[in-house]
């Protein structure tokens, strides 16, 4: 098993993925006159063999948004095929270097708490320019690499669970309470 793929961007031809990895290539096409966009992609094994390809219209949107749809669709397909070691390449002119990797919940605590909170948000996207006061202790602990005692989070999750019960989201509330009920060891950050 290869520890990580080599990502190269200098060559002008397609290259294979490292052994044990799947290569996904995605692209978007946006018509300049009417703004209609479509996406396409192909997934290949380490020998360059075709696994699956896809194409679909995504409506009127920017090139960047269409590229993001292509990434989304490729990730969904790799997941459905049960591939977990994947390199995805795109030629998007909106240049970025992106690394996506697994992080256990204990190292992804703020994002988990925001996602949990988001399940209660019926207003759609909520952009926070600063952290909610109820999360400040977690922000500081993660920033400083401190350990967090999960028992200290029971209050936060308990408050969110109480709101869930009030909104008749019993399944979510029970899940939240279970997340902290067995907590006894401090959580390492970073």
N, C-alpha and C. Protein backbone atom coordinates (compact mmCIF):
# COMPACT_ATOMS: atom_id res chain seq x y z
N UNK A 1 0.84 -1.17 0.00
CA UNK A 1 0.00 0.00 0.00
C UNK A 1 0.88 1.24 0.00
N UNK A 2 0.59 2.13 -0.89
CA UNK A 2 1.34 3.37 -0.99
C UNK A 2 0.85 4.35 0.06
N UNK A 3 1.77 5.08 0.69
CA UNK A 3 1.38 5.99 1.76
C UNK A 3 0.68 7.23 1.25
N UNK A 4 1.09 7.75 0.13
CA UNK A 4 0.40 8.91 -0.44
C UNK A 4 0.70 9.00 -1.92
N UNK A 5 -0.21 9.63 -2.64
CA UNK A 5 -0.01 9.74 -4.09
C UNK A 5 0.98 10.84 -4.41
N UNK A 6 1.63 10.73 -5.55
CA UNK A 6 2.44 11.86 -5.99
C UNK A 6 1.55 12.68 -6.91
N UNK A 7 1.48 13.94 -6.62
CA UNK A 7 0.65 14.84 -7.41
C UNK A 7 1.59 15.68 -8.25
N UNK A 8 1.42 15.60 -9.55
CA UNK A 8 2.30 16.41 -10.39
C UNK A 8 1.45 17.32 -11.26
N UNK A 9 1.93 18.52 -11.43
CA UNK A 9 1.18 19.50 -12.21
C UNK A 9 2.02 20.08 -13.34
N UNK A 10 3.24 19.61 -13.52
CA UNK A 10 4.13 20.20 -14.52
C UNK A 10 3.99 19.55 -15.91
N UNK A 11 3.63 18.27 -15.96
CA UNK A 11 3.55 17.55 -17.22
C UNK A 11 2.36 18.01 -18.05
N UNK A 12 2.46 17.86 -19.36
CA UNK A 12 1.37 18.22 -20.25
C UNK A 12 0.61 17.00 -20.73
N UNK A 13 0.77 15.88 -20.03
CA UNK A 13 0.00 14.69 -20.37
C UNK A 13 -0.50 14.03 -19.10
N UNK A 14 -1.56 13.25 -19.25
CA UNK A 14 -2.17 12.57 -18.11
C UNK A 14 -1.16 11.59 -17.52
N UNK A 15 -1.19 11.43 -16.21
CA UNK A 15 -0.30 10.46 -15.56
C UNK A 15 -1.12 9.54 -14.66
N UNK A 16 -0.61 8.35 -14.48
CA UNK A 16 -1.27 7.35 -13.63
C UNK A 16 -1.16 7.74 -12.16
N UNK A 17 -2.06 7.18 -11.38
CA UNK A 17 -1.96 7.36 -9.94
C UNK A 17 -0.97 6.33 -9.38
N UNK A 18 -0.58 6.52 -8.16
CA UNK A 18 0.30 5.57 -7.48
C UNK A 18 -0.45 4.25 -7.28
N UNK A 19 0.27 3.13 -7.20
CA UNK A 19 -0.39 1.84 -6.95
C UNK A 19 -1.27 1.92 -5.70
N UNK A 20 -2.46 1.35 -5.81
CA UNK A 20 -3.39 1.37 -4.68
C UNK A 20 -4.27 2.61 -4.63
N UNK A 21 -4.07 3.54 -5.55
CA UNK A 21 -4.86 4.77 -5.60
C UNK A 21 -5.69 4.80 -6.87
N UNK A 22 -6.79 5.53 -6.81
CA UNK A 22 -7.66 5.76 -7.96
C UNK A 22 -7.43 7.19 -8.42
N UNK A 23 -7.44 7.41 -9.73
CA UNK A 23 -7.28 8.77 -10.27
C UNK A 23 -8.61 9.22 -10.85
N UNK A 24 -9.07 10.37 -10.42
CA UNK A 24 -10.27 10.99 -10.97
C UNK A 24 -9.90 12.30 -11.64
N UNK A 25 -10.36 12.49 -12.85
CA UNK A 25 -10.17 13.76 -13.55
C UNK A 25 -11.53 14.36 -13.81
N UNK A 26 -11.69 15.65 -13.47
CA UNK A 26 -12.98 16.33 -13.65
C UNK A 26 -12.77 17.64 -14.39
N UNK A 27 -13.83 18.08 -15.05
CA UNK A 27 -13.79 19.36 -15.75
C UNK A 27 -15.20 19.90 -15.85
N UNK A 28 -15.27 21.18 -16.16
CA UNK A 28 -16.55 21.86 -16.36
C UNK A 28 -16.49 22.66 -17.64
N UNK A 29 -17.64 22.84 -18.23
CA UNK A 29 -17.75 23.64 -19.45
C UNK A 29 -18.92 24.60 -19.27
N UNK A 30 -18.65 25.90 -19.43
CA UNK A 30 -19.70 26.91 -19.30
C UNK A 30 -19.78 27.67 -20.61
N UNK A 31 -20.97 27.71 -21.19
CA UNK A 31 -21.21 28.42 -22.45
C UNK A 31 -21.15 29.92 -22.16
N UNK A 32 -20.30 30.64 -22.87
CA UNK A 32 -20.10 32.06 -22.58
C UNK A 32 -21.34 32.90 -22.89
N UNK A 33 -22.14 32.51 -23.86
CA UNK A 33 -23.29 33.33 -24.25
C UNK A 33 -24.46 33.20 -23.28
N UNK A 34 -24.78 31.97 -22.87
CA UNK A 34 -25.98 31.80 -22.02
C UNK A 34 -25.68 31.33 -20.59
N UNK A 35 -24.43 31.04 -20.28
CA UNK A 35 -24.04 30.67 -18.93
C UNK A 35 -24.41 29.25 -18.52
N UNK A 36 -24.96 28.46 -19.46
CA UNK A 36 -25.31 27.08 -19.13
C UNK A 36 -24.04 26.26 -18.98
N UNK A 37 -24.01 25.47 -17.92
CA UNK A 37 -22.81 24.70 -17.59
C UNK A 37 -23.10 23.22 -17.57
N UNK A 38 -22.05 22.45 -17.82
CA UNK A 38 -22.10 21.00 -17.72
C UNK A 38 -20.77 20.54 -17.15
N UNK A 39 -20.78 19.35 -16.59
CA UNK A 39 -19.57 18.80 -16.00
C UNK A 39 -19.32 17.41 -16.55
N UNK A 40 -18.10 16.95 -16.41
CA UNK A 40 -17.75 15.60 -16.81
C UNK A 40 -16.57 15.13 -15.99
N UNK A 41 -16.42 13.83 -15.95
CA UNK A 41 -15.29 13.27 -15.22
C UNK A 41 -15.09 11.82 -15.56
N UNK A 42 -13.91 11.34 -15.25
CA UNK A 42 -13.56 9.95 -15.47
C UNK A 42 -12.72 9.46 -14.29
N UNK A 43 -12.98 8.22 -13.89
CA UNK A 43 -12.24 7.59 -12.81
C UNK A 43 -11.47 6.42 -13.43
N UNK A 44 -10.16 6.35 -13.10
CA UNK A 44 -9.31 5.28 -13.65
C UNK A 44 -8.49 4.64 -12.53
N UNK A 45 -8.13 3.39 -12.75
CA UNK A 45 -7.30 2.71 -11.76
C UNK A 45 -5.83 3.09 -11.97
N UNK A 46 -4.95 2.52 -11.15
CA UNK A 46 -3.54 2.86 -11.20
C UNK A 46 -2.86 2.45 -12.50
N UNK A 47 -3.50 1.59 -13.29
CA UNK A 47 -2.97 1.20 -14.59
C UNK A 47 -3.54 2.04 -15.72
N UNK A 48 -4.41 2.98 -15.39
CA UNK A 48 -5.02 3.84 -16.40
C UNK A 48 -6.30 3.29 -16.99
N UNK A 49 -6.77 2.16 -16.48
CA UNK A 49 -8.00 1.55 -16.99
C UNK A 49 -9.24 2.32 -16.53
N UNK A 50 -10.17 2.51 -17.46
CA UNK A 50 -11.43 3.19 -17.20
C UNK A 50 -12.24 2.41 -16.17
N UNK A 51 -12.70 3.12 -15.12
CA UNK A 51 -13.61 2.52 -14.14
C UNK A 51 -15.02 3.01 -14.42
N UNK A 52 -15.17 4.32 -14.47
CA UNK A 52 -16.48 4.92 -14.76
C UNK A 52 -16.27 6.37 -15.20
N UNK A 53 -17.17 6.84 -16.03
CA UNK A 53 -17.18 8.24 -16.43
C UNK A 53 -18.56 8.81 -16.20
N UNK A 54 -18.67 10.12 -16.21
CA UNK A 54 -19.98 10.76 -16.04
C UNK A 54 -20.00 12.11 -16.73
N UNK A 55 -21.19 12.56 -17.01
CA UNK A 55 -21.42 13.90 -17.53
C UNK A 55 -22.83 14.30 -17.14
N UNK A 56 -23.05 15.59 -16.88
CA UNK A 56 -24.39 16.08 -16.59
C UNK A 56 -24.42 17.60 -16.67
N UNK A 57 -25.58 18.14 -17.02
CA UNK A 57 -25.73 19.59 -16.97
C UNK A 57 -25.90 20.04 -15.52
N UNK A 58 -25.44 21.24 -15.21
CA UNK A 58 -25.60 21.77 -13.85
C UNK A 58 -26.31 23.12 -13.83
N UNK A 59 -26.86 23.53 -14.97
CA UNK A 59 -27.61 24.79 -15.03
C UNK A 59 -26.71 25.98 -15.27
N UNK A 60 -27.23 27.17 -14.97
CA UNK A 60 -26.46 28.41 -15.13
C UNK A 60 -25.64 28.66 -13.88
N UNK A 61 -24.33 28.78 -14.06
CA UNK A 61 -23.47 29.05 -12.92
C UNK A 61 -22.10 29.47 -13.43
N UNK A 62 -21.25 29.89 -12.50
CA UNK A 62 -19.89 30.28 -12.84
C UNK A 62 -19.05 29.04 -13.12
N UNK A 63 -17.90 29.25 -13.74
CA UNK A 63 -16.99 28.14 -14.00
C UNK A 63 -16.54 27.51 -12.68
N UNK A 64 -16.23 28.34 -11.70
CA UNK A 64 -15.79 27.81 -10.41
C UNK A 64 -16.86 26.93 -9.78
N UNK A 65 -18.10 27.38 -9.78
CA UNK A 65 -19.17 26.57 -9.19
C UNK A 65 -19.36 25.27 -9.97
N UNK A 66 -19.26 25.34 -11.28
CA UNK A 66 -19.38 24.12 -12.09
C UNK A 66 -18.24 23.15 -11.75
N UNK A 67 -17.03 23.67 -11.59
CA UNK A 67 -15.90 22.80 -11.20
C UNK A 67 -16.15 22.16 -9.84
N UNK A 68 -16.72 22.92 -8.92
CA UNK A 68 -17.03 22.36 -7.60
C UNK A 68 -18.08 21.26 -7.70
N UNK A 69 -19.07 21.44 -8.59
CA UNK A 69 -20.05 20.38 -8.83
C UNK A 69 -19.36 19.13 -9.37
N UNK A 70 -18.40 19.31 -10.26
CA UNK A 70 -17.67 18.17 -10.82
C UNK A 70 -16.91 17.44 -9.71
N UNK A 71 -16.26 18.20 -8.83
CA UNK A 71 -15.56 17.59 -7.69
C UNK A 71 -16.54 16.83 -6.80
N UNK A 72 -17.67 17.45 -6.52
CA UNK A 72 -18.71 16.81 -5.71
C UNK A 72 -19.14 15.48 -6.32
N UNK A 73 -19.45 15.51 -7.61
CA UNK A 73 -19.92 14.29 -8.26
C UNK A 73 -18.84 13.21 -8.29
N UNK A 74 -17.60 13.59 -8.49
CA UNK A 74 -16.52 12.60 -8.48
C UNK A 74 -16.36 12.00 -7.09
N UNK A 75 -16.38 12.83 -6.06
CA UNK A 75 -16.28 12.31 -4.70
C UNK A 75 -17.43 11.37 -4.37
N UNK A 76 -18.64 11.74 -4.81
CA UNK A 76 -19.80 10.87 -4.57
C UNK A 76 -19.62 9.52 -5.26
N UNK A 77 -19.09 9.54 -6.46
CA UNK A 77 -18.90 8.28 -7.19
C UNK A 77 -17.79 7.43 -6.56
N UNK A 78 -16.69 8.05 -6.19
CA UNK A 78 -15.62 7.26 -5.57
C UNK A 78 -16.12 6.63 -4.28
N UNK A 79 -16.93 7.37 -3.54
CA UNK A 79 -17.49 6.83 -2.29
C UNK A 79 -18.42 5.66 -2.58
N UNK A 80 -19.29 5.82 -3.59
CA UNK A 80 -20.25 4.75 -3.90
C UNK A 80 -19.55 3.49 -4.42
N UNK A 81 -18.37 3.66 -5.03
CA UNK A 81 -17.59 2.51 -5.48
C UNK A 81 -16.70 1.96 -4.37
N UNK A 82 -16.78 2.58 -3.19
CA UNK A 82 -16.01 2.17 -2.01
C UNK A 82 -14.51 2.39 -2.19
N UNK A 83 -14.12 3.40 -2.97
CA UNK A 83 -12.71 3.77 -3.09
C UNK A 83 -12.42 4.84 -2.04
N UNK A 84 -11.37 4.64 -1.28
CA UNK A 84 -11.01 5.59 -0.21
C UNK A 84 -9.64 6.21 -0.42
N UNK A 85 -8.93 5.78 -1.44
CA UNK A 85 -7.61 6.36 -1.75
C UNK A 85 -7.71 6.93 -3.15
N UNK A 86 -7.95 8.23 -3.22
CA UNK A 86 -8.32 8.88 -4.48
C UNK A 86 -7.53 10.17 -4.68
N UNK A 87 -7.03 10.36 -5.89
CA UNK A 87 -6.45 11.64 -6.31
C UNK A 87 -7.42 12.20 -7.35
N UNK A 88 -7.81 13.45 -7.18
CA UNK A 88 -8.70 14.09 -8.15
C UNK A 88 -7.97 15.28 -8.74
N UNK A 89 -7.97 15.34 -10.06
CA UNK A 89 -7.32 16.45 -10.76
C UNK A 89 -8.37 17.26 -11.53
N UNK A 90 -8.15 18.56 -11.57
CA UNK A 90 -9.00 19.47 -12.33
C UNK A 90 -8.11 20.52 -12.97
N UNK A 91 -8.56 21.09 -14.07
CA UNK A 91 -7.79 22.15 -14.72
C UNK A 91 -8.38 23.53 -14.44
N UNK A 92 -9.13 23.62 -13.36
CA UNK A 92 -9.80 24.88 -13.02
C UNK A 92 -8.79 26.02 -12.99
N UNK A 93 -9.13 27.10 -13.67
CA UNK A 93 -8.24 28.26 -13.71
C UNK A 93 -8.23 29.02 -12.38
N UNK A 94 -9.23 28.77 -11.55
CA UNK A 94 -9.22 29.33 -10.20
C UNK A 94 -8.24 28.48 -9.42
N UNK A 95 -6.97 28.84 -9.43
CA UNK A 95 -5.89 28.01 -8.89
C UNK A 95 -6.01 27.81 -7.40
N UNK A 96 -5.95 26.56 -7.00
CA UNK A 96 -5.85 26.24 -5.59
C UNK A 96 -5.03 24.98 -5.42
N UNK A 97 -4.41 24.86 -4.29
CA UNK A 97 -3.77 23.62 -3.89
C UNK A 97 -4.59 23.12 -2.72
N UNK A 98 -5.13 21.95 -2.83
CA UNK A 98 -6.08 21.44 -1.86
C UNK A 98 -5.66 20.07 -1.40
N UNK A 99 -5.67 19.88 -0.10
CA UNK A 99 -5.42 18.56 0.47
C UNK A 99 -6.63 18.23 1.34
N UNK A 100 -7.24 17.10 1.09
CA UNK A 100 -8.37 16.64 1.90
C UNK A 100 -7.94 15.32 2.51
N UNK A 101 -8.05 15.22 3.82
CA UNK A 101 -7.66 13.98 4.48
C UNK A 101 -8.57 13.73 5.67
N UNK A 102 -8.56 12.50 6.14
CA UNK A 102 -9.39 12.13 7.29
C UNK A 102 -8.85 12.75 8.56
N UNK A 103 -9.75 13.20 9.39
CA UNK A 103 -9.40 13.70 10.70
C UNK A 103 -10.45 13.17 11.67
N UNK A 104 -10.05 12.50 12.75
CA UNK A 104 -11.07 11.99 13.68
C UNK A 104 -11.85 13.14 14.31
N UNK A 105 -13.05 12.84 14.75
CA UNK A 105 -13.92 13.87 15.32
C UNK A 105 -13.23 14.65 16.43
N UNK A 106 -12.38 13.98 17.20
CA UNK A 106 -11.71 14.67 18.30
C UNK A 106 -10.76 15.75 17.81
N UNK A 107 -10.31 15.65 16.56
CA UNK A 107 -9.43 16.67 15.98
C UNK A 107 -10.20 17.59 15.05
N UNK A 108 -11.49 17.39 14.94
CA UNK A 108 -12.34 18.15 14.04
C UNK A 108 -13.56 18.66 14.82
N UNK A 109 -13.33 18.94 16.08
CA UNK A 109 -14.42 19.20 17.02
C UNK A 109 -15.25 20.43 16.66
N UNK A 110 -14.59 21.53 16.34
CA UNK A 110 -15.36 22.75 16.01
C UNK A 110 -16.26 22.53 14.80
N UNK A 111 -15.72 21.92 13.75
CA UNK A 111 -16.54 21.67 12.56
C UNK A 111 -17.70 20.74 12.90
N UNK A 112 -17.45 19.74 13.76
CA UNK A 112 -18.52 18.83 14.17
C UNK A 112 -19.60 19.57 14.94
N UNK A 113 -19.18 20.45 15.84
CA UNK A 113 -20.15 21.20 16.63
C UNK A 113 -20.97 22.14 15.74
N UNK A 114 -20.33 22.78 14.76
CA UNK A 114 -21.05 23.66 13.85
C UNK A 114 -22.02 22.86 12.97
N UNK A 115 -21.59 21.68 12.51
CA UNK A 115 -22.47 20.84 11.70
C UNK A 115 -23.68 20.39 12.53
N UNK A 116 -23.43 20.05 13.79
CA UNK A 116 -24.52 19.65 14.68
C UNK A 116 -25.50 20.81 14.86
N UNK A 117 -24.96 21.98 15.08
CA UNK A 117 -25.78 23.19 15.22
C UNK A 117 -26.55 23.46 13.93
N UNK A 118 -25.91 23.21 12.80
CA UNK A 118 -26.54 23.46 11.51
C UNK A 118 -27.78 22.62 11.27
N UNK A 119 -27.85 21.46 11.92
CA UNK A 119 -29.05 20.64 11.75
C UNK A 119 -30.28 21.33 12.32
N UNK A 120 -30.08 22.28 13.22
CA UNK A 120 -31.20 23.01 13.81
C UNK A 120 -31.54 24.28 13.04
N UNK A 121 -30.67 24.67 12.13
CA UNK A 121 -30.83 25.92 11.40
C UNK A 121 -31.77 25.72 10.21
N UNK A 122 -32.96 26.26 10.30
CA UNK A 122 -33.92 26.11 9.21
C UNK A 122 -33.86 27.28 8.23
N UNK A 123 -32.89 28.18 8.41
CA UNK A 123 -32.81 29.37 7.58
C UNK A 123 -31.84 29.23 6.42
N UNK A 124 -31.27 28.07 6.22
CA UNK A 124 -30.31 27.88 5.13
C UNK A 124 -28.89 28.17 5.60
N UNK A 125 -28.08 28.71 4.70
CA UNK A 125 -26.68 28.97 4.99
C UNK A 125 -26.55 30.07 6.04
N UNK A 126 -25.75 29.84 7.03
CA UNK A 126 -25.46 30.83 8.07
C UNK A 126 -23.96 31.05 8.08
N UNK A 127 -23.51 32.24 7.75
CA UNK A 127 -22.09 32.58 7.75
C UNK A 127 -21.77 33.30 9.04
N UNK A 128 -20.78 32.80 9.76
CA UNK A 128 -20.40 33.35 11.06
C UNK A 128 -19.08 34.09 10.92
N UNK A 129 -19.08 35.39 11.13
CA UNK A 129 -17.83 36.15 11.02
C UNK A 129 -16.98 36.01 12.29
N UNK A 130 -17.58 35.55 13.36
CA UNK A 130 -16.84 35.27 14.58
C UNK A 130 -17.51 34.07 15.25
N UNK A 131 -16.78 33.37 16.11
CA UNK A 131 -17.36 32.18 16.72
C UNK A 131 -18.46 32.54 17.72
N UNK A 132 -19.49 31.71 17.81
CA UNK A 132 -20.50 31.92 18.84
C UNK A 132 -19.85 31.83 20.22
N UNK A 133 -20.34 32.59 21.15
CA UNK A 133 -19.73 32.61 22.49
C UNK A 133 -19.70 31.22 23.11
N UNK A 134 -20.67 30.38 22.79
CA UNK A 134 -20.70 29.03 23.36
C UNK A 134 -19.57 28.15 22.85
N UNK A 135 -18.87 28.57 21.80
CA UNK A 135 -17.78 27.77 21.23
C UNK A 135 -16.40 28.37 21.49
N UNK A 136 -16.33 29.53 22.15
CA UNK A 136 -15.05 30.21 22.34
C UNK A 136 -14.01 29.35 23.06
N UNK A 137 -14.44 28.59 24.05
CA UNK A 137 -13.48 27.76 24.79
C UNK A 137 -12.88 26.69 23.87
N UNK A 138 -13.67 26.14 22.98
CA UNK A 138 -13.17 25.12 22.05
C UNK A 138 -12.24 25.76 21.04
N UNK A 139 -12.59 26.96 20.55
CA UNK A 139 -11.73 27.68 19.60
C UNK A 139 -10.35 27.89 20.22
N UNK A 140 -10.32 28.39 21.45
CA UNK A 140 -9.05 28.66 22.13
C UNK A 140 -8.28 27.37 22.40
N UNK A 141 -8.96 26.34 22.83
CA UNK A 141 -8.28 25.07 23.13
C UNK A 141 -7.64 24.50 21.86
N UNK A 142 -8.38 24.50 20.75
CA UNK A 142 -7.82 23.97 19.51
C UNK A 142 -6.66 24.84 19.03
N UNK A 143 -6.82 26.14 19.13
CA UNK A 143 -5.77 27.06 18.68
C UNK A 143 -4.48 26.85 19.47
N UNK A 144 -4.61 26.59 20.76
CA UNK A 144 -3.45 26.43 21.62
C UNK A 144 -2.97 24.99 21.74
N UNK A 145 -3.64 24.08 21.06
CA UNK A 145 -3.24 22.68 21.14
C UNK A 145 -3.53 22.06 22.50
N UNK A 146 -4.47 22.64 23.24
CA UNK A 146 -4.81 22.12 24.57
C UNK A 146 -5.69 20.90 24.45
N UNK A 147 -5.76 20.18 25.56
CA UNK A 147 -6.65 19.03 25.62
C UNK A 147 -8.00 19.50 26.14
N UNK A 148 -9.05 18.91 25.59
CA UNK A 148 -10.41 19.28 26.00
C UNK A 148 -11.02 18.08 26.70
N UNK A 149 -11.57 18.32 27.86
CA UNK A 149 -12.27 17.27 28.57
C UNK A 149 -13.68 17.18 28.00
N UNK A 150 -14.04 16.04 27.41
CA UNK A 150 -15.37 15.92 26.80
C UNK A 150 -16.50 16.20 27.78
N UNK A 151 -16.25 15.97 29.08
CA UNK A 151 -17.28 16.25 30.07
C UNK A 151 -17.64 17.74 30.08
N UNK A 152 -16.66 18.60 29.72
CA UNK A 152 -16.93 20.03 29.66
C UNK A 152 -17.85 20.38 28.50
N UNK A 153 -17.90 19.51 27.50
CA UNK A 153 -18.75 19.76 26.34
C UNK A 153 -20.17 19.28 26.55
N UNK A 154 -20.39 18.51 27.61
CA UNK A 154 -21.74 17.99 27.83
C UNK A 154 -22.76 19.10 27.94
N UNK A 155 -22.38 20.21 28.54
CA UNK A 155 -23.31 21.34 28.66
C UNK A 155 -23.72 21.87 27.30
N UNK A 156 -22.73 22.04 26.41
CA UNK A 156 -23.04 22.56 25.08
C UNK A 156 -23.93 21.60 24.32
N UNK A 157 -23.51 20.33 24.25
CA UNK A 157 -24.31 19.35 23.55
C UNK A 157 -25.66 19.16 24.22
N UNK A 158 -25.70 19.26 25.56
CA UNK A 158 -26.97 19.15 26.28
C UNK A 158 -27.92 20.26 25.90
N UNK A 159 -27.40 21.49 25.78
CA UNK A 159 -28.25 22.62 25.37
C UNK A 159 -28.80 22.41 23.96
N UNK A 160 -27.94 21.95 23.06
CA UNK A 160 -28.38 21.69 21.69
C UNK A 160 -29.39 20.55 21.69
N UNK A 161 -29.15 19.52 22.51
CA UNK A 161 -30.09 18.40 22.59
C UNK A 161 -31.44 18.87 23.11
N UNK A 162 -31.45 19.78 24.08
CA UNK A 162 -32.71 20.30 24.61
C UNK A 162 -33.50 21.01 23.50
N UNK A 163 -32.81 21.77 22.68
CA UNK A 163 -33.48 22.43 21.55
C UNK A 163 -34.03 21.39 20.59
N UNK A 164 -33.25 20.33 20.33
CA UNK A 164 -33.70 19.26 19.44
C UNK A 164 -34.98 18.62 19.96
N UNK A 165 -35.01 18.32 21.26
CA UNK A 165 -36.21 17.73 21.84
C UNK A 165 -37.39 18.68 21.68
N UNK A 166 -37.16 19.97 21.91
CA UNK A 166 -38.23 20.97 21.77
C UNK A 166 -38.76 21.03 20.35
N UNK A 167 -37.87 20.82 19.38
CA UNK A 167 -38.27 20.86 17.97
C UNK A 167 -38.73 19.49 17.47
N UNK A 168 -38.86 18.54 18.41
CA UNK A 168 -39.27 17.17 18.08
C UNK A 168 -38.26 16.45 17.19
N UNK A 169 -37.00 16.81 17.33
CA UNK A 169 -35.90 16.12 16.63
C UNK A 169 -35.27 15.14 17.62
N UNK A 170 -36.09 14.21 18.12
CA UNK A 170 -35.66 13.31 19.18
C UNK A 170 -34.44 12.49 18.79
N UNK A 171 -34.38 11.98 17.55
CA UNK A 171 -33.26 11.14 17.11
C UNK A 171 -31.95 11.92 17.20
N UNK A 172 -31.95 13.18 16.76
CA UNK A 172 -30.75 14.02 16.82
C UNK A 172 -30.36 14.26 18.27
N UNK A 173 -31.34 14.55 19.12
CA UNK A 173 -31.06 14.82 20.53
C UNK A 173 -30.43 13.61 21.20
N UNK A 174 -30.98 12.43 20.96
CA UNK A 174 -30.44 11.22 21.56
C UNK A 174 -29.00 10.98 21.07
N UNK A 175 -28.77 11.20 19.78
CA UNK A 175 -27.42 11.04 19.22
C UNK A 175 -26.44 11.99 19.91
N UNK A 176 -26.85 13.23 20.13
CA UNK A 176 -25.97 14.20 20.79
C UNK A 176 -25.65 13.77 22.21
N UNK A 177 -26.65 13.33 22.92
CA UNK A 177 -26.43 12.92 24.30
C UNK A 177 -25.55 11.68 24.38
N UNK A 178 -25.69 10.76 23.41
CA UNK A 178 -24.85 9.57 23.38
C UNK A 178 -23.39 9.93 23.09
N UNK A 179 -23.18 11.01 22.31
CA UNK A 179 -21.81 11.40 21.97
C UNK A 179 -21.00 11.73 23.21
N UNK A 180 -21.64 12.26 24.23
CA UNK A 180 -20.88 12.66 25.41
C UNK A 180 -21.13 11.78 26.61
N UNK A 181 -22.07 10.86 26.54
CA UNK A 181 -22.40 10.05 27.72
C UNK A 181 -21.27 9.13 28.16
N UNK A 182 -20.46 8.65 27.20
CA UNK A 182 -19.38 7.75 27.54
C UNK A 182 -18.04 8.47 27.67
N UNK A 183 -18.05 9.79 27.58
CA UNK A 183 -16.80 10.56 27.58
C UNK A 183 -16.16 10.54 28.96
N UNK A 184 -14.93 10.07 29.00
CA UNK A 184 -14.20 10.09 30.27
C UNK A 184 -12.78 10.60 30.09
N UNK A 185 -12.20 10.46 28.87
CA UNK A 185 -10.83 10.85 28.64
C UNK A 185 -10.76 12.20 27.94
N UNK A 186 -9.77 13.04 28.28
CA UNK A 186 -9.61 14.30 27.56
C UNK A 186 -9.33 14.06 26.08
N UNK A 187 -9.76 14.98 25.27
CA UNK A 187 -9.60 14.89 23.82
C UNK A 187 -8.36 15.67 23.42
N UNK A 188 -7.44 15.03 22.72
CA UNK A 188 -6.25 15.71 22.23
C UNK A 188 -6.59 16.53 20.99
N UNK A 189 -6.06 17.71 20.90
CA UNK A 189 -6.31 18.58 19.75
C UNK A 189 -5.07 18.61 18.91
N UNK A 190 -5.26 18.51 17.59
CA UNK A 190 -4.16 18.66 16.64
C UNK A 190 -3.57 17.39 16.18
